[in-house]
N, C-alpha and C. Protein backbone atom coordinates (compact mmCIF):
# COMPACT_ATOMS: atom_id res chain seq x y z
N MET A 1 2.73 4.65 21.23
CA MET A 1 1.88 5.83 21.12
C MET A 1 0.53 5.44 20.54
N LYS A 2 -0.54 6.01 21.05
CA LYS A 2 -1.88 5.65 20.63
C LYS A 2 -2.43 6.69 19.67
N PHE A 3 -2.94 6.22 18.51
CA PHE A 3 -3.57 7.10 17.53
C PHE A 3 -5.03 6.70 17.38
N ASN A 4 -5.89 7.69 17.16
CA ASN A 4 -7.31 7.43 16.95
C ASN A 4 -7.82 8.17 15.74
N TYR A 5 -8.85 7.62 15.07
CA TYR A 5 -9.50 8.30 13.97
C TYR A 5 -10.47 9.33 14.51
N PRO A 6 -10.98 10.24 13.66
CA PRO A 6 -11.89 11.29 14.13
C PRO A 6 -13.13 10.75 14.83
N ASN A 7 -13.57 9.53 14.50
CA ASN A 7 -14.74 8.97 15.16
C ASN A 7 -14.42 8.39 16.53
N GLY A 8 -13.16 8.50 16.93
CA GLY A 8 -12.77 8.04 18.24
C GLY A 8 -12.31 6.60 18.30
N LYS A 9 -12.47 5.87 17.20
CA LYS A 9 -12.05 4.46 17.18
C LYS A 9 -10.54 4.36 17.03
N PRO A 10 -9.91 3.43 17.72
CA PRO A 10 -8.45 3.26 17.58
C PRO A 10 -8.10 2.84 16.17
N SER A 11 -6.97 3.31 15.70
CA SER A 11 -6.50 2.91 14.38
C SER A 11 -5.81 1.56 14.47
N THR A 12 -5.73 0.87 13.30
CA THR A 12 -4.95 -0.35 13.26
C THR A 12 -3.49 0.01 13.06
N THR A 13 -2.63 -0.82 13.50
CA THR A 13 -1.19 -0.54 13.39
C THR A 13 -0.69 -0.91 12.02
N TYR A 14 0.10 -0.05 11.42
CA TYR A 14 0.68 -0.33 10.11
C TYR A 14 2.19 -0.45 10.22
N HIS A 15 2.81 -1.64 10.35
CA HIS A 15 4.29 -1.80 10.51
C HIS A 15 4.84 -1.96 9.13
N GLY A 16 2.35 -0.21 5.20
CA GLY A 16 2.32 -0.50 5.76
C GLY A 16 2.85 0.53 4.55
N GLY A 17 6.03 -6.01 -21.86
CA GLY A 17 6.30 -7.30 -22.49
C GLY A 17 5.80 -8.41 -21.63
N LYS A 18 6.63 -8.94 -20.52
CA LYS A 18 6.27 -10.02 -19.64
C LYS A 18 5.55 -9.44 -18.44
N SER A 19 4.63 -10.17 -17.89
CA SER A 19 3.90 -9.69 -16.73
C SER A 19 4.82 -9.61 -15.53
N ALA A 20 4.44 -8.73 -14.56
CA ALA A 20 5.24 -8.61 -13.34
C ALA A 20 5.19 -9.91 -12.55
N LYS A 21 4.12 -10.69 -12.74
CA LYS A 21 3.99 -11.95 -12.02
C LYS A 21 5.16 -12.88 -12.34
N LYS A 22 5.56 -12.92 -13.59
CA LYS A 22 6.63 -13.81 -14.02
C LYS A 22 8.00 -13.33 -13.57
N GLN A 23 8.08 -12.06 -13.18
CA GLN A 23 9.37 -11.50 -12.81
C GLN A 23 9.74 -11.78 -11.36
N ALA A 24 8.75 -12.19 -10.56
CA ALA A 24 9.02 -12.42 -9.13
C ALA A 24 9.47 -13.85 -8.93
N THR A 25 10.75 -14.09 -8.91
CA THR A 25 11.30 -15.42 -8.76
C THR A 25 11.55 -15.72 -7.30
N SER A 26 11.76 -17.00 -7.00
CA SER A 26 12.01 -17.40 -5.62
C SER A 26 13.31 -16.78 -5.10
N ASN A 27 14.30 -16.61 -5.96
CA ASN A 27 15.56 -16.01 -5.53
C ASN A 27 15.37 -14.57 -5.11
N GLN A 28 14.48 -13.85 -5.81
CA GLN A 28 14.22 -12.47 -5.46
C GLN A 28 13.52 -12.39 -4.11
N ARG A 29 12.64 -13.35 -3.85
CA ARG A 29 11.94 -13.34 -2.57
C ARG A 29 12.91 -13.60 -1.43
N LEU A 30 13.88 -14.49 -1.66
CA LEU A 30 14.85 -14.79 -0.61
C LEU A 30 15.70 -13.58 -0.29
N ALA A 31 15.86 -12.69 -1.27
CA ALA A 31 16.65 -11.48 -1.06
C ALA A 31 15.76 -10.30 -0.72
N SER A 32 14.53 -10.57 -0.27
CA SER A 32 13.57 -9.50 -0.04
C SER A 32 13.96 -8.63 1.14
N PHE A 33 13.34 -7.46 1.18
CA PHE A 33 13.63 -6.49 2.23
C PHE A 33 13.28 -7.02 3.61
N SER A 34 12.28 -7.89 3.71
CA SER A 34 11.87 -8.38 5.02
C SER A 34 12.98 -9.19 5.68
N ASN A 35 13.82 -9.84 4.88
CA ASN A 35 14.95 -10.58 5.43
C ASN A 35 16.03 -9.66 5.98
N ARG A 36 15.91 -8.38 5.65
CA ARG A 36 16.87 -7.40 6.16
C ARG A 36 16.29 -6.58 7.32
N GLY A 37 15.14 -7.03 7.82
CA GLY A 37 14.52 -6.33 8.93
C GLY A 37 13.85 -5.04 8.53
N MET A 38 13.47 -4.90 7.28
CA MET A 38 12.88 -3.68 6.76
C MET A 38 11.37 -3.83 6.66
N THR A 39 10.61 -2.80 7.02
CA THR A 39 9.16 -2.86 6.92
C THR A 39 8.72 -2.63 5.48
N PHE A 40 7.52 -3.05 5.17
CA PHE A 40 6.95 -2.87 3.83
C PHE A 40 6.88 -1.38 3.47
N GLU A 41 6.44 -0.58 4.41
CA GLU A 41 6.34 0.87 4.16
C GLU A 41 7.71 1.48 3.86
N HIS A 42 8.70 1.11 4.63
CA HIS A 42 10.04 1.66 4.43
C HIS A 42 10.59 1.23 3.07
N ALA A 43 10.34 -0.02 2.70
CA ALA A 43 10.79 -0.51 1.40
C ALA A 43 10.13 0.25 0.26
N LEU A 44 8.85 0.56 0.41
CA LEU A 44 8.14 1.35 -0.60
C LEU A 44 8.71 2.76 -0.69
N ASN A 45 8.99 3.35 0.45
CA ASN A 45 9.56 4.70 0.45
C ASN A 45 10.93 4.73 -0.22
N LEU A 46 11.74 3.71 0.02
CA LEU A 46 13.04 3.62 -0.63
C LEU A 46 12.87 3.43 -2.14
N SER A 47 11.87 2.66 -2.52
CA SER A 47 11.60 2.45 -3.94
C SER A 47 11.22 3.76 -4.61
N ASN A 48 10.38 4.54 -3.94
CA ASN A 48 9.97 5.83 -4.49
C ASN A 48 11.15 6.80 -4.59
N ASP A 49 12.04 6.75 -3.62
CA ASP A 49 13.26 7.58 -3.68
C ASP A 49 14.11 7.16 -4.88
N TYR A 50 14.19 5.87 -5.11
CA TYR A 50 14.96 5.35 -6.25
C TYR A 50 14.36 5.84 -7.56
N TYR A 51 13.03 5.74 -7.70
CA TYR A 51 12.36 6.20 -8.92
C TYR A 51 12.57 7.70 -9.13
N LEU A 52 12.51 8.46 -8.05
CA LEU A 52 12.68 9.91 -8.15
C LEU A 52 14.09 10.26 -8.60
N LYS A 53 15.10 9.62 -8.00
CA LYS A 53 16.49 9.91 -8.35
C LYS A 53 16.80 9.51 -9.79
N LYS A 54 16.13 8.48 -10.27
CA LYS A 54 16.34 8.03 -11.65
C LYS A 54 15.51 8.83 -12.65
N GLY A 55 14.66 9.73 -12.14
CA GLY A 55 13.83 10.54 -13.02
C GLY A 55 12.73 9.75 -13.70
N VAL A 56 12.31 8.65 -13.07
CA VAL A 56 11.31 7.77 -13.66
C VAL A 56 9.89 8.16 -13.24
N ALA A 57 9.70 8.48 -11.98
CA ALA A 57 8.38 8.82 -11.46
C ALA A 57 8.53 9.69 -10.22
N VAL A 58 7.47 10.43 -9.92
CA VAL A 58 7.43 11.24 -8.70
C VAL A 58 6.28 10.73 -7.85
N VAL A 59 6.59 10.01 -6.80
CA VAL A 59 5.58 9.43 -5.92
C VAL A 59 5.98 9.68 -4.47
N HIS A 60 5.04 10.15 -3.68
CA HIS A 60 5.33 10.45 -2.27
C HIS A 60 4.25 9.87 -1.36
N LYS A 61 4.63 9.58 -0.14
CA LYS A 61 3.67 9.18 0.87
C LYS A 61 2.97 10.42 1.39
N LYS A 62 1.66 10.34 1.51
CA LYS A 62 0.89 11.50 1.96
C LYS A 62 1.03 11.69 3.47
N PRO A 63 1.33 12.90 3.90
CA PRO A 63 1.38 13.17 5.34
C PRO A 63 -0.03 13.26 5.90
N THR A 64 -0.22 12.79 7.12
CA THR A 64 -1.53 12.85 7.77
C THR A 64 -1.47 13.83 8.93
N PRO A 65 -2.30 14.89 8.91
CA PRO A 65 -2.31 15.86 10.01
C PRO A 65 -2.67 15.19 11.33
N ILE A 66 -1.90 15.48 12.36
CA ILE A 66 -2.10 14.87 13.68
C ILE A 66 -2.45 15.93 14.73
N GLN A 67 -3.43 15.62 15.56
CA GLN A 67 -3.78 16.48 16.70
C GLN A 67 -3.26 15.82 17.96
N ILE A 68 -2.28 16.45 18.59
CA ILE A 68 -1.69 15.89 19.81
C ILE A 68 -2.61 16.17 21.00
N VAL A 69 -2.87 15.12 21.78
CA VAL A 69 -3.79 15.22 22.91
C VAL A 69 -3.05 15.19 24.24
N GLN A 70 -2.10 14.27 24.36
CA GLN A 70 -1.39 14.11 25.63
C GLN A 70 0.11 13.99 25.40
N VAL A 71 0.87 14.79 26.13
CA VAL A 71 2.32 14.77 26.03
C VAL A 71 2.92 14.66 27.43
N ASP A 72 3.85 13.76 27.60
CA ASP A 72 4.56 13.63 28.87
C ASP A 72 5.96 14.22 28.73
N TYR A 73 6.45 14.81 29.81
CA TYR A 73 7.80 15.39 29.82
C TYR A 73 8.63 14.69 30.89
N PRO A 74 9.16 13.51 30.56
CA PRO A 74 9.96 12.78 31.55
C PRO A 74 11.20 13.55 31.97
N LYS A 75 11.68 14.41 31.10
CA LYS A 75 12.80 15.28 31.44
C LYS A 75 12.74 16.53 30.57
N ARG A 76 13.43 17.56 30.96
CA ARG A 76 13.33 18.84 30.27
C ARG A 76 13.77 18.77 28.81
N SER A 77 14.70 17.90 28.52
CA SER A 77 15.26 17.85 27.17
C SER A 77 14.46 16.97 26.21
N ALA A 78 13.39 16.33 26.71
CA ALA A 78 12.63 15.42 25.84
C ALA A 78 11.15 15.46 26.16
N ALA A 79 10.34 15.29 25.13
CA ALA A 79 8.89 15.20 25.28
C ALA A 79 8.43 13.91 24.59
N VAL A 80 7.47 13.22 25.22
CA VAL A 80 6.96 11.97 24.69
C VAL A 80 5.47 12.12 24.43
N ILE A 81 5.06 11.93 23.15
CA ILE A 81 3.65 12.00 22.80
C ILE A 81 2.99 10.69 23.21
N LYS A 82 1.99 10.77 24.09
CA LYS A 82 1.32 9.58 24.61
C LYS A 82 0.03 9.27 23.87
N GLU A 83 -0.65 10.29 23.37
CA GLU A 83 -1.90 10.06 22.65
C GLU A 83 -2.13 11.16 21.63
N ALA A 84 -2.66 10.79 20.46
CA ALA A 84 -2.91 11.77 19.41
C ALA A 84 -4.07 11.28 18.54
N TYR A 85 -4.65 12.20 17.79
CA TYR A 85 -5.77 11.88 16.90
C TYR A 85 -5.44 12.34 15.49
N PHE A 86 -5.93 11.55 14.50
CA PHE A 86 -5.88 12.04 13.13
C PHE A 86 -6.92 13.14 13.01
N ARG A 87 -6.53 14.30 12.50
CA ARG A 87 -7.45 15.42 12.38
C ARG A 87 -8.56 15.14 11.38
N GLU A 88 -8.27 14.33 10.38
CA GLU A 88 -9.26 13.97 9.38
C GLU A 88 -8.98 12.55 8.90
N ALA A 89 -10.02 11.91 8.37
CA ALA A 89 -9.85 10.54 7.87
C ALA A 89 -8.87 10.55 6.70
N SER A 90 -7.93 9.62 6.72
CA SER A 90 -6.94 9.55 5.66
C SER A 90 -7.57 8.98 4.40
N THR A 91 -6.95 9.25 3.27
CA THR A 91 -7.46 8.72 2.00
C THR A 91 -6.64 7.47 1.67
N THR A 92 -5.63 7.61 0.83
CA THR A 92 -4.73 6.50 0.53
C THR A 92 -3.31 6.90 0.92
N ASP A 93 -2.41 5.94 0.88
CA ASP A 93 -1.05 6.17 1.36
C ASP A 93 -0.19 7.01 0.43
N TYR A 94 -0.32 6.76 -0.88
CA TYR A 94 0.62 7.36 -1.83
C TYR A 94 -0.09 7.97 -3.03
N ASN A 95 0.53 9.01 -3.59
CA ASN A 95 0.09 9.55 -4.87
C ASN A 95 1.27 10.16 -5.59
N GLY A 96 1.10 10.40 -6.90
CA GLY A 96 2.19 10.97 -7.67
C GLY A 96 1.90 10.96 -9.15
N VAL A 97 2.95 11.06 -9.96
CA VAL A 97 2.82 11.12 -11.41
C VAL A 97 3.80 10.16 -12.05
N TYR A 98 3.32 9.42 -13.05
CA TYR A 98 4.15 8.48 -13.80
C TYR A 98 3.69 8.45 -15.25
N ARG A 99 4.60 8.70 -16.17
CA ARG A 99 4.31 8.68 -17.60
C ARG A 99 3.14 9.60 -17.96
N GLY A 100 3.06 10.72 -17.26
CA GLY A 100 2.01 11.70 -17.53
C GLY A 100 0.67 11.37 -16.93
N HIS A 101 0.60 10.36 -16.08
CA HIS A 101 -0.66 9.94 -15.47
C HIS A 101 -0.61 10.09 -13.96
N TYR A 102 -1.75 10.42 -13.39
CA TYR A 102 -1.86 10.53 -11.94
C TYR A 102 -1.95 9.14 -11.31
N LEU A 103 -1.11 8.91 -10.30
CA LEU A 103 -1.12 7.65 -9.55
C LEU A 103 -1.72 7.87 -8.17
N ASP A 104 -2.50 6.92 -7.72
CA ASP A 104 -3.03 6.99 -6.36
C ASP A 104 -3.18 5.55 -5.87
N PHE A 105 -2.51 5.23 -4.77
CA PHE A 105 -2.60 3.85 -4.31
C PHE A 105 -2.44 3.70 -2.81
N GLU A 106 -2.92 2.58 -2.33
CA GLU A 106 -2.86 2.21 -0.93
C GLU A 106 -1.96 1.00 -0.79
N ALA A 107 -1.21 0.92 0.29
CA ALA A 107 -0.33 -0.22 0.56
C ALA A 107 -0.74 -0.86 1.88
N LYS A 108 -1.01 -2.15 1.82
CA LYS A 108 -1.45 -2.88 3.02
C LYS A 108 -0.68 -4.20 3.13
N GLU A 109 -0.67 -4.73 4.33
CA GLU A 109 -0.02 -6.02 4.52
C GLU A 109 -0.81 -6.92 5.45
N THR A 110 -0.56 -8.21 5.35
CA THR A 110 -1.23 -9.19 6.20
C THR A 110 -0.26 -10.33 6.50
N LYS A 111 -0.52 -11.02 7.60
CA LYS A 111 0.24 -12.22 7.93
C LYS A 111 -0.48 -13.48 7.45
N ASN A 112 -1.69 -13.30 6.93
CA ASN A 112 -2.44 -14.43 6.38
C ASN A 112 -1.68 -15.04 5.21
N LYS A 113 -1.87 -16.32 5.00
CA LYS A 113 -1.17 -17.00 3.91
C LYS A 113 -2.08 -17.40 2.76
N THR A 114 -3.39 -17.34 2.97
CA THR A 114 -4.31 -17.82 1.92
C THR A 114 -5.26 -16.75 1.39
N SER A 115 -5.35 -15.61 2.06
CA SER A 115 -6.26 -14.56 1.60
C SER A 115 -5.87 -13.22 2.22
N PHE A 116 -6.42 -12.14 1.63
CA PHE A 116 -6.15 -10.80 2.14
C PHE A 116 -7.45 -10.23 2.72
N PRO A 117 -7.51 -9.98 4.04
CA PRO A 117 -8.74 -9.51 4.68
C PRO A 117 -9.16 -8.11 4.21
N LEU A 118 -10.45 -7.96 3.89
CA LEU A 118 -10.97 -6.66 3.46
C LEU A 118 -11.07 -5.69 4.63
N LYS A 119 -11.04 -6.19 5.86
CA LYS A 119 -11.12 -5.32 7.02
C LYS A 119 -9.89 -4.42 7.15
N ASN A 120 -8.84 -4.71 6.39
CA ASN A 120 -7.65 -3.87 6.40
C ASN A 120 -7.90 -2.51 5.76
N PHE A 121 -9.01 -2.40 5.01
CA PHE A 121 -9.35 -1.15 4.36
C PHE A 121 -10.49 -0.46 5.10
N HIS A 122 -10.66 0.84 4.82
CA HIS A 122 -11.72 1.63 5.44
C HIS A 122 -12.64 2.19 4.37
N GLU A 123 -13.87 2.44 4.76
CA GLU A 123 -14.87 2.93 3.82
C GLU A 123 -14.42 4.20 3.10
N HIS A 124 -13.84 5.15 3.85
CA HIS A 124 -13.44 6.42 3.22
C HIS A 124 -12.32 6.21 2.20
N GLN A 125 -11.51 5.19 2.39
CA GLN A 125 -10.46 4.90 1.41
C GLN A 125 -11.06 4.36 0.11
N ILE A 126 -12.05 3.51 0.24
CA ILE A 126 -12.74 2.96 -0.94
C ILE A 126 -13.44 4.08 -1.71
N VAL A 127 -14.11 4.97 -0.99
CA VAL A 127 -14.79 6.11 -1.63
C VAL A 127 -13.78 6.97 -2.38
N HIS A 128 -12.65 7.23 -1.75
CA HIS A 128 -11.61 8.04 -2.40
C HIS A 128 -11.10 7.37 -3.67
N MET A 129 -10.86 6.07 -3.61
CA MET A 129 -10.36 5.36 -4.79
C MET A 129 -11.40 5.36 -5.92
N LYS A 130 -12.66 5.23 -5.58
CA LYS A 130 -13.71 5.28 -6.59
C LYS A 130 -13.75 6.66 -7.25
N ASN A 131 -13.57 7.70 -6.46
CA ASN A 131 -13.55 9.06 -7.01
C ASN A 131 -12.38 9.26 -7.96
N CYS A 132 -11.22 8.71 -7.60
CA CYS A 132 -10.04 8.83 -8.46
C CYS A 132 -10.20 8.01 -9.74
N LEU A 133 -10.84 6.85 -9.63
CA LEU A 133 -11.11 6.04 -10.82
C LEU A 133 -12.03 6.78 -11.77
N ALA A 134 -13.00 7.51 -11.22
CA ALA A 134 -13.93 8.27 -12.05
C ALA A 134 -13.23 9.37 -12.84
N GLN A 135 -12.08 9.82 -12.33
CA GLN A 135 -11.30 10.86 -13.01
C GLN A 135 -10.19 10.26 -13.88
N ARG A 136 -10.25 8.95 -14.09
CA ARG A 136 -9.31 8.22 -14.94
C ARG A 136 -7.88 8.19 -14.40
N GLY A 137 -7.76 8.26 -13.10
CA GLY A 137 -6.44 8.11 -12.50
C GLY A 137 -6.05 6.63 -12.50
N LEU A 138 -4.75 6.36 -12.35
CA LEU A 138 -4.27 4.99 -12.22
C LEU A 138 -4.31 4.65 -10.73
N VAL A 139 -5.31 3.91 -10.35
CA VAL A 139 -5.59 3.67 -8.94
C VAL A 139 -5.48 2.18 -8.64
N PHE A 140 -4.73 1.85 -7.61
CA PHE A 140 -4.48 0.44 -7.32
C PHE A 140 -4.08 0.26 -5.87
N VAL A 141 -3.88 -0.99 -5.48
CA VAL A 141 -3.38 -1.29 -4.14
C VAL A 141 -2.20 -2.24 -4.28
N LEU A 142 -1.27 -2.15 -3.34
CA LEU A 142 -0.16 -3.09 -3.23
C LEU A 142 -0.39 -3.90 -1.96
N LEU A 143 -0.50 -5.20 -2.11
CA LEU A 143 -0.83 -6.09 -1.01
C LEU A 143 0.37 -6.97 -0.68
N TRP A 144 0.86 -6.83 0.53
CA TRP A 144 2.05 -7.57 0.96
C TRP A 144 1.65 -8.71 1.89
N PHE A 145 1.98 -9.94 1.48
CA PHE A 145 1.80 -11.12 2.32
C PHE A 145 3.11 -11.35 3.07
N ALA A 146 3.16 -10.87 4.30
CA ALA A 146 4.41 -10.88 5.06
C ALA A 146 4.94 -12.28 5.30
N SER A 147 4.06 -13.24 5.56
CA SER A 147 4.51 -14.60 5.86
C SER A 147 5.04 -15.31 4.62
N LEU A 148 4.59 -14.88 3.45
CA LEU A 148 4.99 -15.51 2.20
C LEU A 148 6.07 -14.73 1.46
N HIS A 149 6.33 -13.50 1.90
CA HIS A 149 7.26 -12.59 1.22
C HIS A 149 6.84 -12.38 -0.24
N ARG A 150 5.53 -12.13 -0.43
CA ARG A 150 5.00 -11.91 -1.76
C ARG A 150 4.18 -10.62 -1.80
N CYS A 151 4.33 -9.88 -2.89
CA CYS A 151 3.62 -8.61 -3.05
C CYS A 151 2.79 -8.67 -4.32
N PHE A 152 1.54 -8.19 -4.22
CA PHE A 152 0.65 -8.20 -5.38
C PHE A 152 0.12 -6.81 -5.70
N PHE A 153 0.07 -6.53 -6.98
CA PHE A 153 -0.57 -5.32 -7.52
C PHE A 153 -2.00 -5.70 -7.88
N LEU A 154 -2.98 -4.87 -7.45
CA LEU A 154 -4.38 -5.11 -7.78
C LEU A 154 -5.04 -3.79 -8.14
N ASP A 155 -5.63 -3.74 -9.33
CA ASP A 155 -6.34 -2.54 -9.76
C ASP A 155 -7.47 -2.26 -8.77
N ALA A 156 -7.69 -0.97 -8.47
CA ALA A 156 -8.68 -0.59 -7.46
C ALA A 156 -10.10 -0.99 -7.85
N LYS A 157 -10.37 -1.11 -9.14
CA LYS A 157 -11.72 -1.49 -9.55
C LYS A 157 -12.05 -2.90 -9.04
N HIS A 158 -11.05 -3.77 -8.99
CA HIS A 158 -11.28 -5.12 -8.46
C HIS A 158 -11.48 -5.07 -6.95
N LEU A 159 -10.67 -4.27 -6.26
CA LEU A 159 -10.84 -4.12 -4.82
C LEU A 159 -12.22 -3.58 -4.49
N CYS A 160 -12.67 -2.56 -5.23
CA CYS A 160 -13.99 -1.96 -4.98
C CYS A 160 -15.09 -2.99 -5.20
N HIS A 161 -14.91 -3.86 -6.19
CA HIS A 161 -15.90 -4.92 -6.43
C HIS A 161 -15.97 -5.86 -5.24
N TYR A 162 -14.83 -6.29 -4.74
CA TYR A 162 -14.81 -7.16 -3.57
C TYR A 162 -15.43 -6.47 -2.36
N TRP A 163 -15.11 -5.19 -2.22
CA TRP A 163 -15.64 -4.42 -1.09
C TRP A 163 -17.17 -4.34 -1.14
N ASP A 164 -17.70 -4.05 -2.33
CA ASP A 164 -19.15 -3.91 -2.49
C ASP A 164 -19.87 -5.24 -2.28
N CYS A 165 -19.18 -6.35 -2.49
CA CYS A 165 -19.78 -7.68 -2.35
C CYS A 165 -19.61 -8.28 -0.96
N GLN A 166 -18.79 -7.65 -0.11
CA GLN A 166 -18.42 -8.31 1.14
C GLN A 166 -19.59 -8.49 2.09
N ALA A 167 -20.59 -7.61 2.03
CA ALA A 167 -21.73 -7.73 2.95
C ALA A 167 -22.47 -9.05 2.73
N ASP A 168 -22.44 -9.55 1.49
CA ASP A 168 -23.18 -10.77 1.17
C ASP A 168 -22.28 -12.00 1.11
N THR A 169 -21.14 -11.87 0.47
CA THR A 169 -20.36 -13.07 0.18
C THR A 169 -18.89 -13.00 0.54
N ARG A 170 -18.30 -11.80 0.60
CA ARG A 170 -16.85 -11.70 0.73
C ARG A 170 -16.40 -11.04 2.03
N LYS A 171 -15.38 -11.62 2.63
CA LYS A 171 -14.72 -11.00 3.77
C LYS A 171 -13.23 -10.84 3.50
N SER A 172 -12.77 -11.46 2.41
CA SER A 172 -11.35 -11.39 2.06
C SER A 172 -11.19 -11.71 0.58
N ILE A 173 -9.98 -11.44 0.07
CA ILE A 173 -9.65 -11.77 -1.31
C ILE A 173 -8.75 -12.99 -1.29
N PRO A 174 -9.18 -14.11 -1.82
CA PRO A 174 -8.36 -15.32 -1.80
C PRO A 174 -7.06 -15.12 -2.57
N LEU A 175 -5.99 -15.69 -2.07
CA LEU A 175 -4.69 -15.58 -2.73
C LEU A 175 -4.76 -16.14 -4.15
N LYS A 176 -5.48 -17.23 -4.33
CA LYS A 176 -5.58 -17.84 -5.66
C LYS A 176 -6.20 -16.88 -6.67
N GLU A 177 -7.18 -16.08 -6.21
CA GLU A 177 -7.80 -15.12 -7.11
C GLU A 177 -6.87 -13.94 -7.38
N LEU A 178 -6.09 -13.56 -6.38
CA LEU A 178 -5.10 -12.50 -6.59
C LEU A 178 -4.07 -12.92 -7.63
N GLU A 179 -3.72 -14.18 -7.61
CA GLU A 179 -2.75 -14.69 -8.59
C GLU A 179 -3.32 -14.64 -10.01
N GLU A 180 -4.65 -14.63 -10.12
CA GLU A 180 -5.29 -14.61 -11.43
C GLU A 180 -5.58 -13.20 -11.93
N ILE A 181 -6.13 -12.35 -11.07
CA ILE A 181 -6.56 -11.02 -11.52
C ILE A 181 -5.54 -9.92 -11.19
N GLY A 182 -4.58 -10.23 -10.32
CA GLY A 182 -3.55 -9.26 -9.98
C GLY A 182 -2.24 -9.59 -10.66
N LEU A 183 -1.22 -8.85 -10.31
CA LEU A 183 0.13 -9.10 -10.82
C LEU A 183 1.08 -9.18 -9.64
N GLU A 184 1.94 -10.17 -9.63
CA GLU A 184 2.91 -10.27 -8.55
C GLU A 184 4.07 -9.34 -8.85
N VAL A 185 4.43 -8.56 -7.87
CA VAL A 185 5.47 -7.54 -8.01
C VAL A 185 6.81 -8.11 -7.56
N SER A 186 7.83 -7.90 -8.38
CA SER A 186 9.16 -8.40 -8.03
C SER A 186 9.73 -7.62 -6.86
N VAL A 187 10.43 -8.33 -6.00
CA VAL A 187 11.04 -7.75 -4.81
C VAL A 187 12.54 -7.98 -4.89
N GLY A 188 13.32 -6.93 -4.77
CA GLY A 188 14.76 -7.08 -4.89
C GLY A 188 15.52 -6.00 -4.14
N TYR A 189 16.48 -5.40 -4.82
CA TYR A 189 17.34 -4.42 -4.16
C TYR A 189 17.12 -3.00 -4.67
N ALA A 190 17.18 -2.79 -5.98
CA ALA A 190 17.03 -1.44 -6.53
C ALA A 190 16.14 -1.49 -7.77
N PRO A 191 14.88 -1.14 -7.62
CA PRO A 191 14.20 -0.74 -6.38
C PRO A 191 13.82 -1.95 -5.53
N ARG A 192 13.51 -1.69 -4.29
CA ARG A 192 13.13 -2.78 -3.40
C ARG A 192 11.84 -3.46 -3.87
N ILE A 193 10.86 -2.64 -4.24
CA ILE A 193 9.57 -3.15 -4.71
C ILE A 193 9.30 -2.53 -6.07
N HIS A 194 9.44 -3.31 -7.11
CA HIS A 194 9.39 -2.78 -8.48
C HIS A 194 7.95 -2.74 -9.00
N TYR A 195 7.12 -1.91 -8.35
CA TYR A 195 5.71 -1.89 -8.72
C TYR A 195 5.44 -1.17 -10.04
N LEU A 196 6.37 -0.35 -10.51
CA LEU A 196 6.17 0.32 -11.80
C LEU A 196 6.14 -0.68 -12.95
N SER A 197 6.80 -1.81 -12.79
CA SER A 197 6.76 -2.84 -13.83
C SER A 197 5.34 -3.41 -13.96
N ALA A 198 4.65 -3.50 -12.83
CA ALA A 198 3.26 -3.96 -12.85
C ALA A 198 2.37 -2.94 -13.54
N ILE A 199 2.63 -1.66 -13.27
CA ILE A 199 1.87 -0.59 -13.93
C ILE A 199 2.09 -0.64 -15.43
N ASP A 200 3.34 -0.81 -15.84
CA ASP A 200 3.65 -0.89 -17.27
C ASP A 200 2.91 -2.05 -17.92
N SER A 201 2.90 -3.18 -17.25
CA SER A 201 2.28 -4.37 -17.81
C SER A 201 0.76 -4.26 -17.83
N TYR A 202 0.18 -3.73 -16.77
CA TYR A 202 -1.27 -3.71 -16.65
C TYR A 202 -1.92 -2.57 -17.43
N TYR A 203 -1.40 -1.36 -17.26
CA TYR A 203 -2.04 -0.19 -17.87
C TYR A 203 -1.49 0.12 -19.28
N PHE A 204 -0.21 -0.15 -19.50
CA PHE A 204 0.41 0.21 -20.78
C PHE A 204 0.75 -1.00 -21.63
N LYS A 205 0.29 -2.17 -21.20
CA LYS A 205 0.45 -3.41 -21.95
C LYS A 205 1.91 -3.70 -22.30
N GLY A 206 2.82 -3.33 -21.39
CA GLY A 206 4.23 -3.61 -21.57
C GLY A 206 4.95 -2.67 -22.49
N GLU A 207 4.30 -1.59 -22.93
CA GLU A 207 4.95 -0.63 -23.85
C GLU A 207 6.02 0.19 -23.13
């Protein structure tokens, strides 16, 4: 099925105490959701369901209004959507509440092994994150390196800095720099992606 943004351009496909970096061991990566044929987005949704059931946090994926343009009816009992448009530009993927604070974050993935391309983000998403930062929300991105089975938490202020510099010097965020300024998120079973541990470490200093 083909989706387009309001400007008519095709969308990209989205298949998406101790620091959290120290918690991500090689054994956890071997048991990662990707080895079970699970997408990054689905693993995040399961993680949010886990947090909700445990009464830890309330986080949901934002629905995006869709305008259906073309529908085929191969048979009376079924309809197939062939083309649709996003009614409005999306902001970020997820928002919610944790420890009395508003959360707002985007989840992206890449097959690159040495850096994360900034082209995976859109201008309106950066603007939205800057607006949320101005209101003192906890705003960040989760970056999944699919080929490496590694997930990183990065505060949105760092992403916005890279974004603002990309016209002159930056087209991507090097993995080595992510390892320094971000936090590696542990990947396991329950929850699949334990990003709240990164939030605890980064924003609440492990309290």
